[in-house]
Amino acid sequence: MLLSYISQQTTIYVGCFLAFIGILGNSMNILVFSTVPSYRITSCTFYFLISSIFNIAYIVINLISRILSVGYAIDPTRTSLAWCKFRQFCLYVLLLITVTCACLATIDQYFASSQNVRIRRLSNIRWARRIVVIVIIIWCIYGIPPTLYSDISSTTKACAVTNAGYTVYFPFHVIGLNCIIPTVVMVTFGYLTYRNIRLTRALARQYADRQLVRMVLFQIILVIISFVPYGTYSMYSLISTGLTKDAYRLSQEAYALAVISLVTYFYYCGNCYVFVLSSSRFRRSVRNRILYWWNPIQIDPAI
């Protein structure tokens, strides 16, 4: 009972804090990446921009509804089948789009820092726009089955995927697409980018934006911190499915899941602050934007 109460209060207070800083930070990302000329023409920051847009959507639809459900017992998914299906769709699709954009930003910096001219040309804003459209279409199609299989349980009144086969597949979806694949892709291309910078420093200064590389590398660390614990818990849950567990152990696991679930939102809420930490140019752009709001009579710093 005590763990349940602690879990509820943790979700309320930590969740509200994450929602506030997440919406604020991603809004600042959108403002900076869409108005600062040097960022608008860069494919890597275009991926950051799209990721920030979908981060806000994910925070509003999933985190805020989670706070209302766990903290205040306000859960429309228990009464509205349409909202149940829509939230399940967003739970799959928004997460995959924003994580894919993070992977693409890492791959893009590998292209930009390459010695090979043909590979460097792949870092292109026109290609980035086309790739993002394709990614959104693919993940929207991927989100259709869980949406169709979602329903409100007649016994528990909870919104869940009712198809037995898809229920078995879900842990593999979490472990694979949400954790292992993005982490491996970002760490691999992050290492290759770092190696390119170290091996060809003069070339990197000419073609690659070193501050963007730092932003990407810091984002990789954020992804690892955010998603690896949830993937680890999902693997443990899958392995221990057949074990007999007493009430106390179940309450411990429920509390651990609540905390780890909040940790995953570090990625969606923390990008802006990672960028501020890793890039002096981004800090300067944020400062100029804020000063322009306070004193709009001055010349727009984006011009």
Protein backbone atom coordinates (compact mmCIF):
# COMPACT_ATOMS: atom_id res chain seq x y z
CA MET A 1 0.00 0.00 0.00
CA LEU A 2 2.84 2.38 0.86
CA LEU A 3 4.64 1.64 -2.42
CA SER A 4 1.41 2.25 -4.32
CA TYR A 5 1.00 5.65 -2.67
CA ILE A 6 4.67 6.58 -3.30
CA SER A 7 4.27 5.51 -6.93
CA GLN A 8 1.17 7.67 -7.30
CA GLN A 9 2.82 10.75 -5.78
CA THR A 10 5.99 10.21 -7.82
CA THR A 11 3.96 10.06 -11.01
CA ILE A 12 2.10 13.27 -10.12
CA TYR A 13 5.01 15.48 -9.09
CA VAL A 14 7.80 14.12 -11.30
CA GLY A 15 5.39 13.75 -14.21
CA CYS A 16 4.15 17.34 -13.93
CA PHE A 17 7.73 18.62 -13.73
CA LEU A 18 8.76 16.60 -16.80
CA ALA A 19 5.67 17.74 -18.74
CA PHE A 20 6.40 21.40 -17.98
CA ILE A 21 10.09 21.35 -18.88
CA GLY A 22 9.41 19.06 -21.85
CA ILE A 23 6.81 21.29 -23.49
CA LEU A 24 8.91 24.38 -22.74
CA GLY A 25 12.17 22.86 -24.01
CA ASN A 26 10.73 21.33 -27.19
CA SER A 27 8.90 24.59 -27.96
CA MET A 28 12.25 26.38 -27.71
CA ASN A 29 13.79 23.77 -30.03
CA ILE A 30 11.04 24.36 -32.59
CA LEU A 31 11.48 28.12 -32.37
CA VAL A 32 15.27 28.03 -32.74
CA PHE A 33 15.50 25.34 -35.42
CA SER A 34 12.73 26.91 -37.54
CA THR A 35 13.87 30.55 -37.34
CA VAL A 36 17.68 30.64 -37.12
CA PRO A 37 18.95 30.65 -40.74
CA SER A 38 22.04 28.52 -40.08
CA TYR A 39 19.85 25.78 -38.60
CA ARG A 40 17.06 25.93 -41.18
CA ILE A 41 19.30 24.73 -44.02
CA THR A 42 20.88 21.82 -42.12
CA SER A 43 19.50 18.30 -42.46
CA CYS A 44 20.58 17.28 -38.94
CA THR A 45 18.68 20.14 -37.29
CA PHE A 46 15.70 19.38 -39.52
CA TYR A 47 15.58 15.95 -37.87
CA PHE A 48 15.83 17.70 -34.47
CA LEU A 49 12.93 19.96 -35.45
CA ILE A 50 10.64 17.09 -36.47
CA SER A 51 11.62 15.14 -33.37
CA SER A 52 10.75 18.11 -31.14
CA ILE A 53 7.31 18.48 -32.73
CA PHE A 54 6.48 14.83 -32.12
CA ASN A 55 8.01 14.99 -28.63
CA ILE A 56 5.43 17.62 -27.64
CA ALA A 57 2.63 15.50 -29.07
CA TYR A 58 3.90 12.45 -27.16
CA ILE A 59 4.16 14.39 -23.89
CA VAL A 60 0.65 15.85 -24.22
CA ILE A 61 -1.07 12.63 -25.29
CA ASN A 62 0.81 10.09 -23.18
CA LEU A 63 2.51 11.72 -20.20
CA ILE A 64 -0.30 14.10 -19.23
CA SER A 65 -2.93 11.39 -19.65
CA ARG A 66 -0.74 9.10 -17.51
CA ILE A 67 -0.58 11.72 -14.75
CA LEU A 68 -4.37 12.14 -14.81
CA SER A 69 -4.94 8.38 -14.83
CA VAL A 70 -2.49 7.35 -12.09
CA GLY A 71 -2.68 10.47 -9.95
CA TYR A 72 -6.32 11.48 -10.16
CA ALA A 73 -8.15 8.40 -11.53
CA ILE A 74 -9.22 10.37 -14.61
CA ASP A 75 -8.82 7.93 -17.48
CA PRO A 76 -10.91 8.49 -20.64
CA THR A 77 -9.49 5.32 -22.16
CA ARG A 78 -11.72 3.34 -19.78
CA THR A 79 -14.89 4.97 -21.12
CA SER A 80 -14.15 6.05 -24.69
CA LEU A 81 -13.18 3.40 -27.21
CA ALA A 82 -12.16 6.08 -29.73
CA TRP A 83 -9.71 7.65 -27.27
CA CYS A 84 -8.47 4.19 -26.27
CA LYS A 85 -7.58 3.36 -29.88
CA PHE A 86 -6.17 6.83 -30.61
CA ARG A 87 -3.88 6.74 -27.56
CA GLN A 88 -2.64 3.26 -28.44
CA PHE A 89 -1.88 4.48 -31.96
CA CYS A 90 0.04 7.47 -30.60
CA LEU A 91 1.86 5.30 -28.07
CA TYR A 92 3.37 3.29 -30.90
CA VAL A 93 3.71 5.82 -33.70
CA LEU A 94 4.87 9.04 -32.01
CA LEU A 95 7.58 7.24 -30.06
CA LEU A 96 8.95 5.48 -33.13
CA ILE A 97 8.95 8.66 -35.25
CA THR A 98 10.87 10.75 -32.73
CA VAL A 99 13.39 7.98 -31.97
CA THR A 100 13.89 7.36 -35.69
CA CYS A 101 14.59 11.07 -36.20
CA ALA A 102 17.23 10.88 -33.46
CA CYS A 103 18.84 7.92 -35.28
CA LEU A 104 18.70 9.77 -38.60
CA ALA A 105 20.38 12.82 -37.05
CA THR A 106 23.22 10.59 -35.85
CA ILE A 107 23.56 8.93 -39.27
CA ASP A 108 23.47 12.35 -40.92
CA GLN A 109 26.44 13.54 -38.89
CA TYR A 110 28.36 10.45 -39.93
CA PHE A 111 27.66 11.39 -43.55
CA ALA A 112 28.66 15.03 -42.98
CA SER A 113 32.00 14.10 -41.38
CA SER A 114 32.98 11.46 -43.94
CA GLN A 115 36.10 11.76 -46.12
CA ASN A 116 34.14 10.40 -49.09
CA VAL A 117 32.51 13.15 -51.15
CA ARG A 118 29.63 10.91 -52.24
CA ILE A 119 28.83 10.01 -48.66
CA ARG A 120 28.99 13.67 -47.58
CA ARG A 121 26.45 14.53 -50.26
CA LEU A 122 23.94 12.24 -48.54
CA SER A 123 23.76 14.86 -45.76
CA ASN A 124 21.20 16.92 -47.66
CA ILE A 125 18.14 18.87 -46.50
CA ARG A 126 16.07 17.80 -49.52
CA TRP A 127 16.79 14.14 -48.86
CA ALA A 128 16.02 14.68 -45.17
CA ARG A 129 12.54 16.03 -45.95
CA ARG A 130 11.74 13.07 -48.17
CA ILE A 131 13.07 10.57 -45.66
CA VAL A 132 10.97 12.07 -42.84
CA VAL A 133 7.80 11.79 -44.96
CA ILE A 134 8.62 8.12 -45.68
CA VAL A 135 9.35 7.44 -41.99
CA ILE A 136 6.04 8.96 -40.89
CA ILE A 137 4.11 6.90 -43.45
CA ILE A 138 5.87 3.66 -42.47
CA TRP A 139 5.31 4.08 -38.73
CA CYS A 140 1.68 5.16 -39.23
CA ILE A 141 1.08 1.92 -41.15
CA TYR A 142 2.92 0.00 -38.40
CA GLY A 143 0.58 1.53 -35.81
CA ILE A 144 -2.60 0.31 -37.50
CA PRO A 145 -2.69 -3.30 -36.12
CA PRO A 146 -2.41 -2.37 -32.40
CA THR A 147 -5.04 0.32 -32.99
CA LEU A 148 -7.45 -2.21 -34.50
CA TYR A 149 -6.75 -4.78 -31.77
CA SER A 150 -7.18 -2.29 -28.90
CA ASP A 151 -10.37 -2.49 -26.88
CA ILE A 152 -11.75 -1.75 -23.43
CA SER A 153 -11.70 -4.94 -21.35
CA SER A 154 -15.12 -5.97 -20.09
CA THR A 155 -13.63 -7.26 -16.81
CA THR A 156 -10.89 -4.74 -15.90
CA LYS A 157 -12.32 -1.79 -17.87
CA ALA A 158 -8.76 -1.04 -18.99
CA CYS A 159 -7.70 -0.11 -22.51
CA ALA A 160 -5.41 -2.81 -23.87
CA VAL A 161 -4.53 -4.85 -26.94
CA THR A 162 -6.88 -7.82 -26.88
CA ASN A 163 -5.26 -9.90 -29.62
CA ALA A 164 -3.28 -12.72 -27.97
CA GLY A 165 -0.62 -12.85 -30.66
CA TYR A 166 0.05 -9.13 -30.53
CA THR A 167 0.19 -9.25 -26.73
CA VAL A 168 3.01 -11.78 -27.03
CA TYR A 169 4.75 -9.58 -29.63
CA PHE A 170 4.58 -6.36 -27.56
CA PRO A 171 7.59 -7.08 -25.26
CA PHE A 172 9.73 -7.79 -28.33
CA HIS A 173 8.51 -4.52 -29.83
CA VAL A 174 9.59 -2.64 -26.70
CA ILE A 175 12.94 -4.42 -26.38
CA GLY A 176 13.78 -4.30 -30.09
CA LEU A 177 12.33 -1.17 -31.69
CA ASN A 178 12.24 1.03 -28.60
CA CYS A 179 15.53 0.07 -27.00
CA ILE A 180 18.08 -2.20 -28.68
CA ILE A 181 17.86 -1.06 -32.32
CA PRO A 182 17.89 2.74 -31.67
CA THR A 183 20.67 2.40 -29.10
CA VAL A 184 22.82 0.22 -31.34
CA VAL A 185 22.27 2.47 -34.38
CA MET A 186 23.05 5.68 -32.48
CA VAL A 187 26.06 4.30 -30.63
CA THR A 188 27.48 2.77 -33.83
CA PHE A 189 27.12 5.87 -35.99
CA GLY A 190 28.08 8.11 -33.08
CA TYR A 191 31.34 6.19 -32.76
CA LEU A 192 31.91 6.31 -36.52
CA THR A 193 31.30 10.07 -36.52
CA TYR A 194 33.71 10.54 -33.62
CA ARG A 195 36.30 8.46 -35.47
CA ASN A 196 35.84 10.55 -38.62
CA ILE A 197 36.40 13.72 -36.62
CA ARG A 198 39.51 12.34 -34.95
CA LEU A 199 41.04 10.90 -38.13
CA THR A 200 40.33 13.85 -40.40
CA ARG A 201 40.33 16.95 -38.23
CA ALA A 202 41.07 19.40 -41.03
CA LEU A 203 38.38 17.90 -43.24
CA ALA A 204 35.93 17.90 -40.35
CA ARG A 205 36.50 21.60 -39.72
CA GLN A 206 35.73 22.26 -43.37
CA TYR A 207 32.61 20.15 -43.86
CA ALA A 208 31.17 19.07 -40.51
CA ASP A 209 29.63 21.34 -37.90
CA ARG A 210 31.49 20.25 -34.78
CA GLN A 211 28.85 21.71 -32.48
CA LEU A 212 26.15 19.68 -34.21
CA VAL A 213 28.33 16.61 -33.69
CA ARG A 214 28.50 17.43 -29.98
CA MET A 215 24.72 17.86 -29.84
CA VAL A 216 24.23 14.47 -31.47
CA LEU A 217 26.73 12.72 -29.19
CA PHE A 218 25.12 14.20 -26.07
CA GLN A 219 21.73 13.11 -27.38
CA ILE A 220 23.03 9.53 -27.69
CA ILE A 221 23.91 9.60 -23.98
CA LEU A 222 20.38 10.85 -23.21
CA VAL A 223 18.84 8.04 -25.28
CA ILE A 224 20.88 5.40 -23.43
CA ILE A 225 19.89 6.82 -20.03
CA SER A 226 16.23 7.03 -21.02
CA PHE A 227 15.55 3.77 -22.84
CA VAL A 228 17.99 1.13 -21.61
CA PRO A 229 16.37 0.83 -18.12
CA TYR A 230 12.91 0.29 -19.66
CA GLY A 231 14.28 -2.25 -22.13
CA THR A 232 16.03 -4.05 -19.27
CA TYR A 233 12.83 -4.14 -17.22
CA SER A 234 10.86 -5.42 -20.23
CA MET A 235 13.41 -8.21 -20.68
CA TYR A 236 13.16 -9.11 -16.99
CA SER A 237 9.36 -9.08 -17.21
CA LEU A 238 9.44 -11.37 -20.25
CA ILE A 239 11.84 -13.83 -18.57
CA SER A 240 9.91 -13.90 -15.26
CA THR A 241 6.45 -14.28 -16.80
CA GLY A 242 5.97 -17.86 -15.62
CA LEU A 243 7.24 -17.30 -12.07
CA THR A 244 4.95 -17.27 -9.04
CA LYS A 245 5.13 -13.87 -7.33
CA ASP A 246 3.68 -12.77 -4.00
CA ALA A 247 1.82 -9.49 -3.47
CA TYR A 248 4.86 -7.66 -2.10
CA ARG A 249 7.00 -8.56 -5.11
CA LEU A 250 4.23 -7.49 -7.47
CA SER A 251 3.98 -4.14 -5.68
CA GLN A 252 7.76 -3.72 -5.93
CA GLU A 253 7.65 -4.43 -9.65
CA ALA A 254 4.74 -2.02 -10.12
CA TYR A 255 6.69 0.73 -8.35
CA ALA A 256 9.84 -0.01 -10.36
CA LEU A 257 7.80 0.13 -13.58
CA ALA A 258 6.29 3.48 -12.59
CA VAL A 259 9.71 5.00 -11.93
CA ILE A 260 11.34 3.49 -15.04
CA SER A 261 8.41 4.64 -17.19
CA LEU A 262 9.03 8.21 -16.03
CA VAL A 263 12.73 7.84 -16.82
CA THR A 264 11.86 7.15 -20.47
CA TYR A 265 10.39 10.65 -20.67
CA PHE A 266 13.85 12.11 -20.01
CA TYR A 267 14.48 11.76 -23.74
CA TYR A 268 11.27 13.49 -24.82
CA CYS A 269 11.65 16.27 -22.26
CA GLY A 270 15.42 16.76 -22.09
CA ASN A 271 16.60 17.36 -25.66
CA CYS A 272 16.63 21.15 -25.44
CA TYR A 273 18.65 21.13 -22.24
CA VAL A 274 21.14 18.65 -23.70
CA PHE A 275 21.55 20.95 -26.71
CA VAL A 276 22.03 23.97 -24.43
CA LEU A 277 24.68 22.05 -22.49
CA SER A 278 26.57 20.83 -25.56
CA SER A 279 26.47 23.80 -27.97
CA SER A 280 27.47 27.42 -27.32
CA ARG A 281 25.83 28.46 -30.62
CA PHE A 282 22.53 26.90 -29.58
CA ARG A 283 22.77 28.64 -26.18
CA ARG A 284 23.37 31.93 -27.96
CA SER A 285 20.38 31.35 -30.25
CA VAL A 286 18.12 30.56 -27.29
CA ARG A 287 19.35 33.66 -25.44
CA ASN A 288 18.75 35.86 -28.48
CA ARG A 289 15.25 34.51 -28.93
CA ILE A 290 14.37 35.10 -25.27
CA LEU A 291 15.84 38.63 -25.34
CA TYR A 292 13.86 39.34 -28.50
CA TRP A 293 10.65 38.34 -26.71
CA TRP A 294 11.44 40.69 -23.83
CA ASN A 295 12.35 43.57 -26.12
CA PRO A 296 10.56 43.07 -29.47
CA ILE A 297 11.52 46.58 -30.67
CA GLN A 298 15.09 45.43 -31.35
CA ILE A 299 16.13 43.79 -34.60
CA ASP A 300 15.14 40.15 -34.84
CA PRO A 301 18.35 38.13 -34.16
CA ALA A 302 17.28 35.54 -36.73
CA ILE A 303 17.60 38.08 -39.56
